[in-house]
PDB file of N, CA and C in Angstrom:
ATOM      1  N   MET A   1      14.270 -31.404  -3.295  1.00  0.00           N
ATOM      2  CA  MET A   1      13.153 -30.530  -3.040  1.00  0.00           C
ATOM      3  C   MET A   1      12.935 -30.328  -1.542  1.00  0.00           C
ATOM      4  N   LEU A   2      13.144 -31.324  -0.734  1.00  0.00           N
ATOM      5  CA  LEU A   2      12.937 -31.198   0.706  1.00  0.00           C
ATOM      6  C   LEU A   2      13.692 -30.014   1.278  1.00  0.00           C
ATOM      7  N   TYR A   3      14.982 -29.948   1.036  1.00  0.00           N
ATOM      8  CA  TYR A   3      15.769 -28.884   1.639  1.00  0.00           C
ATOM      9  C   TYR A   3      15.438 -27.532   1.031  1.00  0.00           C
ATOM     10  N   GLY A   4      15.093 -27.488  -0.239  1.00  0.00           N
ATOM     11  CA  GLY A   4      14.662 -26.241  -0.861  1.00  0.00           C
ATOM     12  C   GLY A   4      13.397 -25.717  -0.221  1.00  0.00           C
ATOM     13  N   GLU A   5      12.428 -26.619   0.032  1.00  0.00           N
ATOM     14  CA  GLU A   5      11.187 -26.209   0.680  1.00  0.00           C
ATOM     15  C   GLU A   5      11.451 -25.730   2.100  1.00  0.00           C
ATOM     16  N   LEU A   6      12.288 -26.447   2.831  1.00  0.00           N
ATOM     17  CA  LEU A   6      12.566 -26.044   4.204  1.00  0.00           C
ATOM     18  C   LEU A   6      13.281 -24.707   4.261  1.00  0.00           C
ATOM     19  N   LYS A   7      14.167 -24.439   3.315  1.00  0.00           N
ATOM     20  CA  LYS A   7      14.830 -23.137   3.302  1.00  0.00           C
ATOM     21  C   LYS A   7      13.823 -22.033   3.055  1.00  0.00           C
ATOM     22  N   GLN A   8      12.863 -22.304   2.189  1.00  0.00           N
ATOM     23  CA  GLN A   8      11.864 -21.300   1.875  1.00  0.00           C
ATOM     24  C   GLN A   8      10.882 -21.124   3.028  1.00  0.00           C
ATOM     25  N   TYR A   9      10.438 -22.214   3.637  1.00  0.00           N
ATOM     26  CA  TYR A   9       9.374 -22.157   4.623  1.00  0.00           C
ATOM     27  C   TYR A   9       9.860 -22.148   6.067  1.00  0.00           C
ATOM     28  N   ARG A  10      10.833 -22.938   6.423  1.00  0.00           N
ATOM     29  CA  ARG A  10      11.491 -22.969   7.727  1.00  0.00           C
ATOM     30  C   ARG A  10      10.691 -23.568   8.878  1.00  0.00           C
ATOM     31  N   ALA A  11       9.371 -23.592   8.847  1.00  0.00           N
ATOM     32  CA  ALA A  11       8.593 -24.195   9.928  1.00  0.00           C
ATOM     33  C   ALA A  11       8.055 -25.541   9.460  1.00  0.00           C
ATOM     34  N   LEU A  12       7.977 -26.495  10.385  1.00  0.00           N
ATOM     35  CA  LEU A  12       7.613 -27.859  10.033  1.00  0.00           C
ATOM     36  C   LEU A  12       6.720 -28.451  11.113  1.00  0.00           C
ATOM     37  N   ILE A  13       5.663 -29.143  10.702  1.00  0.00           N
ATOM     38  CA  ILE A  13       4.754 -29.809  11.629  1.00  0.00           C
ATOM     39  C   ILE A  13       4.788 -31.306  11.339  1.00  0.00           C
ATOM     40  N   THR A  14       4.875 -32.115  12.398  1.00  0.00           N
ATOM     41  CA  THR A  14       4.813 -33.565  12.255  1.00  0.00           C
ATOM     42  C   THR A  14       3.499 -34.071  12.851  1.00  0.00           C
ATOM     43  N   PHE A  15       3.060 -35.237  12.378  1.00  0.00           N
ATOM     44  CA  PHE A  15       1.759 -35.781  12.751  1.00  0.00           C
ATOM     45  C   PHE A  15       1.875 -37.229  13.176  1.00  0.00           C
ATOM     46  N   ASP A  16       0.831 -37.704  13.847  1.00  0.00           N
ATOM     47  CA  ASP A  16       0.812 -39.113  14.236  1.00  0.00           C
ATOM     48  C   ASP A  16       0.145 -39.998  13.192  1.00  0.00           C
ATOM     49  N   SER A  17      -0.523 -39.381  12.210  1.00  0.00           N
ATOM     50  CA  SER A  17      -1.170 -40.172  11.162  1.00  0.00           C
ATOM     51  C   SER A  17      -1.347 -39.338   9.901  1.00  0.00           C
ATOM     52  N   LEU A  18      -1.512 -40.034   8.788  1.00  0.00           N
ATOM     53  CA  LEU A  18      -1.767 -39.359   7.518  1.00  0.00           C
ATOM     54  C   LEU A  18      -3.106 -38.625   7.560  1.00  0.00           C
ATOM     55  N   THR A  19      -4.063 -39.175   8.271  1.00  0.00           N
ATOM     56  CA  THR A  19      -5.370 -38.525   8.406  1.00  0.00           C
ATOM     57  C   THR A  19      -5.226 -37.137   9.005  1.00  0.00           C
ATOM     58  N   GLN A  20      -4.382 -36.997  10.025  1.00  0.00           N
ATOM     59  CA  GLN A  20      -4.177 -35.692  10.662  1.00  0.00           C
ATOM     60  C   GLN A  20      -3.418 -34.741   9.733  1.00  0.00           C
ATOM     61  N   ALA A  21      -2.458 -35.265   8.978  1.00  0.00           N
ATOM     62  CA  ALA A  21      -1.734 -34.431   8.008  1.00  0.00           C
ATOM     63  C   ALA A  21      -2.700 -33.886   6.956  1.00  0.00           C
ATOM     64  N   MET A  22      -3.627 -34.722   6.514  1.00  0.00           N
ATOM     65  CA  MET A  22      -4.613 -34.285   5.519  1.00  0.00           C
ATOM     66  C   MET A  22      -5.588 -33.276   6.121  1.00  0.00           C
ATOM     67  N   ALA A  23      -5.943 -33.444   7.386  1.00  0.00           N
ATOM     68  CA  ALA A  23      -6.806 -32.473   8.058  1.00  0.00           C
ATOM     69  C   ALA A  23      -6.097 -31.117   8.155  1.00  0.00           C
ATOM     70  N   ALA A  24      -4.804 -31.154   8.432  1.00  0.00           N
ATOM     71  CA  ALA A  24      -4.022 -29.910   8.495  1.00  0.00           C
ATOM     72  C   ALA A  24      -3.970 -29.242   7.127  1.00  0.00           C
ATOM     73  N   GLU A  25      -3.813 -30.038   6.067  1.00  0.00           N
ATOM     74  CA  GLU A  25      -3.803 -29.471   4.710  1.00  0.00           C
ATOM     75  C   GLU A  25      -5.081 -28.686   4.444  1.00  0.00           C
ATOM     76  N   LYS A  26      -6.226 -29.208   4.886  1.00  0.00           N
ATOM     77  CA  LYS A  26      -7.497 -28.508   4.680  1.00  0.00           C
ATOM     78  C   LYS A  26      -7.490 -27.153   5.364  1.00  0.00           C
ATOM     79  N   VAL A  27      -6.923 -27.084   6.571  1.00  0.00           N
ATOM     80  CA  VAL A  27      -6.853 -25.818   7.300  1.00  0.00           C
ATOM     81  C   VAL A  27      -5.938 -24.846   6.555  1.00  0.00           C
ATOM     82  N   PHE A  28      -4.789 -25.328   6.097  1.00  0.00           N
ATOM     83  CA  PHE A  28      -3.861 -24.467   5.353  1.00  0.00           C
ATOM     84  C   PHE A  28      -4.527 -23.915   4.100  1.00  0.00           C
ATOM     85  N   LYS A  29      -5.258 -24.768   3.382  1.00  0.00           N
ATOM     86  CA  LYS A  29      -5.949 -24.323   2.163  1.00  0.00           C
ATOM     87  C   LYS A  29      -7.031 -23.312   2.500  1.00  0.00           C
ATOM     88  N   LYS A  30      -7.809 -23.593   3.548  1.00  0.00           N
ATOM     89  CA  LYS A  30      -8.893 -22.690   3.949  1.00  0.00           C
ATOM     90  C   LYS A  30      -8.359 -21.305   4.297  1.00  0.00           C
ATOM     91  N   LEU A  31      -7.195 -21.252   4.927  1.00  0.00           N
ATOM     92  CA  LEU A  31      -6.608 -19.979   5.346  1.00  0.00           C
ATOM     93  C   LEU A  31      -5.642 -19.406   4.317  1.00  0.00           C
ATOM     94  N   ASP A  32      -5.579 -20.045   3.152  1.00  0.00           N
ATOM     95  CA  ASP A  32      -4.723 -19.590   2.059  1.00  0.00           C
ATOM     96  C   ASP A  32      -3.263 -19.421   2.494  1.00  0.00           C
ATOM     97  N   CYS A  33      -2.783 -20.381   3.257  1.00  0.00           N
ATOM     98  CA  CYS A  33      -1.392 -20.380   3.722  1.00  0.00           C
ATOM     99  C   CYS A  33      -0.579 -21.329   2.849  1.00  0.00           C
ATOM    100  N   PRO A  34       0.495 -20.865   2.261  1.00  0.00           N
ATOM    101  CA  PRO A  34       1.317 -21.762   1.446  1.00  0.00           C
ATOM    102  C   PRO A  34       1.961 -22.834   2.316  1.00  0.00           C
ATOM    103  N   TYR A  35       2.106 -24.018   1.752  1.00  0.00           N
ATOM    104  CA  TYR A  35       2.710 -25.138   2.475  1.00  0.00           C
ATOM    105  C   TYR A  35       3.227 -26.151   1.463  1.00  0.00           C
ATOM    106  N   ALA A  36       3.976 -27.099   1.973  1.00  0.00           N
ATOM    107  CA  ALA A  36       4.426 -28.230   1.162  1.00  0.00           C
ATOM    108  C   ALA A  36       4.327 -29.485   2.009  1.00  0.00           C
ATOM    109  N   LEU A  37       3.743 -30.531   1.451  1.00  0.00           N
ATOM    110  CA  LEU A  37       3.701 -31.831   2.099  1.00  0.00           C
ATOM    111  C   LEU A  37       4.990 -32.544   1.727  1.00  0.00           C
ATOM    112  N   ILE A  38       5.777 -32.900   2.726  1.00  0.00           N
ATOM    113  CA  ILE A  38       7.094 -33.486   2.478  1.00  0.00           C
ATOM    114  C   ILE A  38       7.265 -34.754   3.317  1.00  0.00           C
ATOM    115  N   PRO A  39       8.232 -35.592   2.974  1.00  0.00           N
ATOM    116  CA  PRO A  39       8.541 -36.722   3.858  1.00  0.00           C
ATOM    117  C   PRO A  39       9.052 -36.200   5.197  1.00  0.00           C
ATOM    118  N   THR A  40       8.601 -36.816   6.276  1.00  0.00           N
ATOM    119  CA  THR A  40       9.072 -36.403   7.597  1.00  0.00           C
ATOM    120  C   THR A  40      10.571 -36.655   7.689  1.00  0.00           C
ATOM    121  N   PRO A  41      11.355 -35.647   8.050  1.00  0.00           N
ATOM    122  CA  PRO A  41      12.797 -35.864   8.211  1.00  0.00           C
ATOM    123  C   PRO A  41      13.070 -37.001   9.200  1.00  0.00           C
ATOM    124  N   ARG A  42      14.038 -37.798   8.905  1.00  0.00           N
ATOM    125  CA  ARG A  42      14.351 -38.984   9.702  1.00  0.00           C
ATOM    126  C   ARG A  42      14.529 -38.663  11.186  1.00  0.00           C
ATOM    127  N   THR A  43      15.143 -37.536  11.488  1.00  0.00           N
ATOM    128  CA  THR A  43      15.398 -37.179  12.891  1.00  0.00           C
ATOM    129  C   THR A  43      14.121 -36.825  13.651  1.00  0.00           C
ATOM    130  N   LEU A  44      13.031 -36.607  12.943  1.00  0.00           N
ATOM    131  CA  LEU A  44      11.778 -36.205  13.582  1.00  0.00           C
ATOM    132  C   LEU A  44      10.677 -37.239  13.405  1.00  0.00           C
ATOM    133  N   ARG A  45      11.016 -38.445  12.998  1.00  0.00           N
ATOM    134  CA  ARG A  45      10.007 -39.455  12.693  1.00  0.00           C
ATOM    135  C   ARG A  45       8.998 -39.596  13.814  1.00  0.00           C
ATOM    136  N   SER A  46       7.750 -39.665  13.408  1.00  0.00           N
ATOM    137  CA  SER A  46       6.659 -39.887  14.343  1.00  0.00           C
ATOM    138  C   SER A  46       5.808 -41.011  13.765  1.00  0.00           C
ATOM    139  N   GLY A  47       4.525 -41.011  14.010  1.00  0.00           N
ATOM    140  CA  GLY A  47       3.669 -42.061  13.489  1.00  0.00           C
ATOM    141  C   GLY A  47       3.354 -41.915  12.019  1.00  0.00           C
ATOM    142  N   CYS A  48       3.662 -40.772  11.440  1.00  0.00           N
ATOM    143  CA  CYS A  48       3.320 -40.483  10.049  1.00  0.00           C
ATOM    144  C   CYS A  48       4.585 -40.173   9.259  1.00  0.00           C
ATOM    145  N   ASN A  49       4.637 -40.639   8.045  1.00  0.00           N
ATOM    146  CA  ASN A  49       5.805 -40.393   7.197  1.00  0.00           C
ATOM    147  C   ASN A  49       5.723 -39.074   6.443  1.00  0.00           C
ATOM    148  N   ASN A  50       4.672 -38.305   6.673  1.00  0.00           N
ATOM    149  CA  ASN A  50       4.505 -37.018   5.998  1.00  0.00           C
ATOM    150  C   ASN A  50       4.484 -35.884   7.013  1.00  0.00           C
ATOM    151  N   ALA A  51       5.051 -34.776   6.617  1.00  0.00           N
ATOM    152  CA  ALA A  51       5.064 -33.569   7.432  1.00  0.00           C
ATOM    153  C   ALA A  51       4.675 -32.397   6.542  1.00  0.00           C
ATOM    154  N   LEU A  52       4.285 -31.299   7.149  1.00  0.00           N
ATOM    155  CA  LEU A  52       3.975 -30.078   6.408  1.00  0.00           C
ATOM    156  C   LEU A  52       4.989 -29.018   6.776  1.00  0.00           C
ATOM    157  N   CYS A  53       5.533 -28.366   5.760  1.00  0.00           N
ATOM    158  CA  CYS A  53       6.372 -27.205   6.048  1.00  0.00           C
ATOM    159  C   CYS A  53       5.652 -25.974   5.514  1.00  0.00           C
ATOM    160  N   PHE A  54       5.909 -24.856   6.165  1.00  0.00           N
ATOM    161  CA  PHE A  54       5.192 -23.625   5.854  1.00  0.00           C
ATOM    162  C   PHE A  54       6.040 -22.429   6.260  1.00  0.00           C
ATOM    163  N   PRO A  55       5.675 -21.226   5.823  1.00  0.00           N
ATOM    164  CA  PRO A  55       6.457 -20.038   6.165  1.00  0.00           C
ATOM    165  C   PRO A  55       6.471 -19.778   7.673  1.00  0.00           C
ATOM    166  N   HIS A  56       7.639 -19.536   8.195  1.00  0.00           N
ATOM    167  CA  HIS A  56       7.806 -19.266   9.625  1.00  0.00           C
ATOM    168  C   HIS A  56       6.959 -18.083  10.069  1.00  0.00           C
ATOM    169  N   GLU A  57       6.813 -17.093   9.229  1.00  0.00           N
ATOM    170  CA  GLU A  57       6.046 -15.907   9.613  1.00  0.00           C
ATOM    171  C   GLU A  57       4.541 -16.175   9.716  1.00  0.00           C
ATOM    172  N   ARG A  58       4.095 -17.371   9.316  1.00  0.00           N
ATOM    173  CA  ARG A  58       2.682 -17.742   9.445  1.00  0.00           C
ATOM    174  C   ARG A  58       2.464 -18.738  10.596  1.00  0.00           C
ATOM    175  N   LYS A  59       3.346 -18.717  11.589  1.00  0.00           N
ATOM    176  CA  LYS A  59       3.269 -19.706  12.662  1.00  0.00           C
ATOM    177  C   LYS A  59       2.002 -19.595  13.505  1.00  0.00           C
ATOM    178  N   GLU A  60       1.257 -18.499  13.383  1.00  0.00           N
ATOM    179  CA  GLU A  60      -0.002 -18.372  14.120  1.00  0.00           C
ATOM    180  C   GLU A  60      -1.031 -19.389  13.642  1.00  0.00           C
ATOM    181  N   ILE A  61      -0.776 -20.017  12.508  1.00  0.00           N
ATOM    182  CA  ILE A  61      -1.699 -21.036  11.995  1.00  0.00           C
ATOM    183  C   ILE A  61      -1.782 -22.236  12.945  1.00  0.00           C
ATOM    184  N   ILE A  62      -0.792 -22.408  13.800  1.00  0.00           N
ATOM    185  CA  ILE A  62      -0.814 -23.492  14.784  1.00  0.00           C
ATOM    186  C   ILE A  62      -2.058 -23.364  15.666  1.00  0.00           C
ATOM    187  N   ASP A  63      -2.403 -22.144  16.053  1.00  0.00           N
ATOM    188  CA  ASP A  63      -3.606 -21.924  16.858  1.00  0.00           C
ATOM    189  C   ASP A  63      -4.858 -22.354  16.096  1.00  0.00           C
ATOM    190  N   ASP A  64      -4.874 -22.108  14.789  1.00  0.00           N
ATOM    191  CA  ASP A  64      -6.013 -22.522  13.973  1.00  0.00           C
ATOM    192  C   ASP A  64      -6.101 -24.044  13.887  1.00  0.00           C
ATOM    193  N   LEU A  65      -4.956 -24.714  13.790  1.00  0.00           N
ATOM    194  CA  LEU A  65      -4.956 -26.177  13.767  1.00  0.00           C
ATOM    195  C   LEU A  65      -5.517 -26.727  15.076  1.00  0.00           C
ATOM    196  N   ILE A  66      -5.126 -26.117  16.185  1.00  0.00           N
ATOM    197  CA  ILE A  66      -5.632 -26.547  17.492  1.00  0.00           C
ATOM    198  C   ILE A  66      -7.144 -26.316  17.560  1.00  0.00           C
ATOM    199  N   ASP A  67      -7.600 -25.155  17.092  1.00  0.00           N
ATOM    200  CA  ASP A  67      -9.033 -24.857  17.092  1.00  0.00           C
ATOM    201  C   ASP A  67      -9.818 -25.868  16.256  1.00  0.00           C
ATOM    202  N   GLU A  68      -9.198 -26.358  15.174  1.00  0.00           N
ATOM    203  CA  GLU A  68      -9.849 -27.344  14.299  1.00  0.00           C
ATOM    204  C   GLU A  68      -9.638 -28.773  14.789  1.00  0.00           C
ATOM    205  N   MET A  69      -9.005 -28.924  15.952  1.00  0.00           N
ATOM    206  CA  MET A  69      -8.763 -30.220  16.597  1.00  0.00           C
ATOM    207  C   MET A  69      -7.875 -31.150  15.761  1.00  0.00           C
ATOM    208  N   VAL A  70      -6.930 -30.573  15.044  1.00  0.00           N
ATOM    209  CA  VAL A  70      -5.937 -31.360  14.313  1.00  0.00           C
ATOM    210  C   VAL A  70      -4.867 -31.787  15.323  1.00  0.00           C
ATOM    211  N   VAL A  71      -4.553 -33.069  15.331  1.00  0.00           N
ATOM    212  CA  VAL A  71      -3.559 -33.607  16.256  1.00  0.00           C
ATOM    213  C   VAL A  71      -2.203 -33.621  15.560  1.00  0.00           C
ATOM    214  N   PHE A  72      -1.223 -32.977  16.169  1.00  0.00           N
ATOM    215  CA  PHE A  72       0.139 -33.013  15.627  1.00  0.00           C
ATOM    216  C   PHE A  72       1.088 -33.380  16.745  1.00  0.00           C
ATOM    217  N   THR A  73       2.241 -33.926  16.356  1.00  0.00           N
ATOM    218  CA  THR A  73       3.188 -34.398  17.372  1.00  0.00           C
ATOM    219  C   THR A  73       4.296 -33.398  17.660  1.00  0.00           C
ATOM    220  N   GLY A  74       4.536 -32.466  16.756  1.00  0.00           N
ATOM    221  CA  GLY A  74       5.583 -31.486  16.997  1.00  0.00           C
ATOM    222  C   GLY A  74       5.574 -30.377  15.967  1.00  0.00           C
ATOM    223  N   VAL A  75       6.110 -29.238  16.377  1.00  0.00           N
ATOM    224  CA  VAL A  75       6.275 -28.086  15.490  1.00  0.00           C
ATOM    225  C   VAL A  75       7.713 -27.642  15.630  1.00  0.00           C
ATOM    226  N   TYR A  76       8.410 -27.532  14.503  1.00  0.00           N
ATOM    227  CA  TYR A  76       9.849 -27.283  14.514  1.00  0.00           C
ATOM    228  C   TYR A  76      10.219 -26.166  13.559  1.00  0.00           C
ATOM    229  N   GLU A  77      11.391 -25.614  13.815  1.00  0.00           N
ATOM    230  CA  GLU A  77      11.983 -24.626  12.921  1.00  0.00           C
ATOM    231  C   GLU A  77      13.266 -25.216  12.356  1.00  0.00           C
ATOM    232  N   ALA A  78      13.374 -25.172  11.034  1.00  0.00           N
ATOM    233  CA  ALA A  78      14.600 -25.642  10.393  1.00  0.00           C
ATOM    234  C   ALA A  78      15.687 -24.597  10.586  1.00  0.00           C
ATOM    235  N   ASN A  79      16.872 -25.053  10.988  1.00  0.00           N
ATOM    236  CA  ASN A  79      18.006 -24.148  11.123  1.00  0.00           C
ATOM    237  C   ASN A  79      19.253 -24.847  10.587  1.00  0.00           C
ATOM    238  N   ASN A  80      20.375 -24.224  10.674  1.00  0.00           N
ATOM    239  CA  ASN A  80      21.607 -24.803  10.116  1.00  0.00           C
ATOM    240  C   ASN A  80      22.028 -26.096  10.810  1.00  0.00           C
ATOM    241  N   ASP A  81      21.599 -26.297  12.050  1.00  0.00           N
ATOM    242  CA  ASP A  81      21.982 -27.480  12.811  1.00  0.00           C
ATOM    243  C   ASP A  81      20.948 -28.604  12.743  1.00  0.00           C
ATOM    244  N   GLY A  82      19.872 -28.408  12.033  1.00  0.00           N
ATOM    245  CA  GLY A  82      18.811 -29.403  11.960  1.00  0.00           C
ATOM    246  C   GLY A  82      17.479 -28.780  12.288  1.00  0.00           C
ATOM    247  N   PHE A  83      16.857 -29.245  13.367  1.00  0.00           N
ATOM    248  CA  PHE A  83      15.540 -28.752  13.742  1.00  0.00           C
ATOM    249  C   PHE A  83      15.518 -28.446  15.233  1.00  0.00           C
ATOM    250  N   ALA A  84      14.790 -27.385  15.566  1.00  0.00           N
ATOM    251  CA  ALA A  84      14.606 -27.005  16.966  1.00  0.00           C
ATOM    252  C   ALA A  84      13.108 -26.794  17.172  1.00  0.00           C
ATOM    253  N   PRO A  85      12.600 -27.081  18.362  1.00  0.00           N
ATOM    254  CA  PRO A  85      11.184 -26.822  18.613  1.00  0.00           C
ATOM    255  C   PRO A  85      10.860 -25.355  18.331  1.00  0.00           C
ATOM    256  N   LEU A  86       9.743 -25.134  17.657  1.00  0.00           N
ATOM    257  CA  LEU A  86       9.310 -23.782  17.323  1.00  0.00           C
ATOM    258  C   LEU A  86       8.681 -23.153  18.547  1.00  0.00           C
ATOM    259  N   LYS A  87       9.070 -21.939  18.849  1.00  0.00           N
ATOM    260  CA  LYS A  87       8.522 -21.210  19.997  1.00  0.00           C
ATOM    261  C   LYS A  87       7.720 -20.034  19.478  1.00  0.00           C
ATOM    262  N   TRP A  88       6.586 -19.808  20.111  1.00  0.00           N
ATOM    263  CA  TRP A  88       5.777 -18.644  19.760  1.00  0.00           C
ATOM    264  C   TRP A  88       5.012 -18.148  20.934  1.00  0.00           C
TER     265      TRP A  88
END
């Protein structure tokens, strides 16, 4: 399921804690943005074992997470070689 979700969504956010991942979920739900809570890929491990993936075309939601004071450690785009920092 992990790779299927990443192929569908392509953007991934990592967090320093489960509390922050859950806070991000609330923002995604409030803005009606599809997402999937997945295990953080090993190459991107941070303080939290959970990450959120979401549609790349909805990357503006990062600004909403910042406005809601959600702390995240990284935002990435899944590609054929693994993950690259997401630019916007």
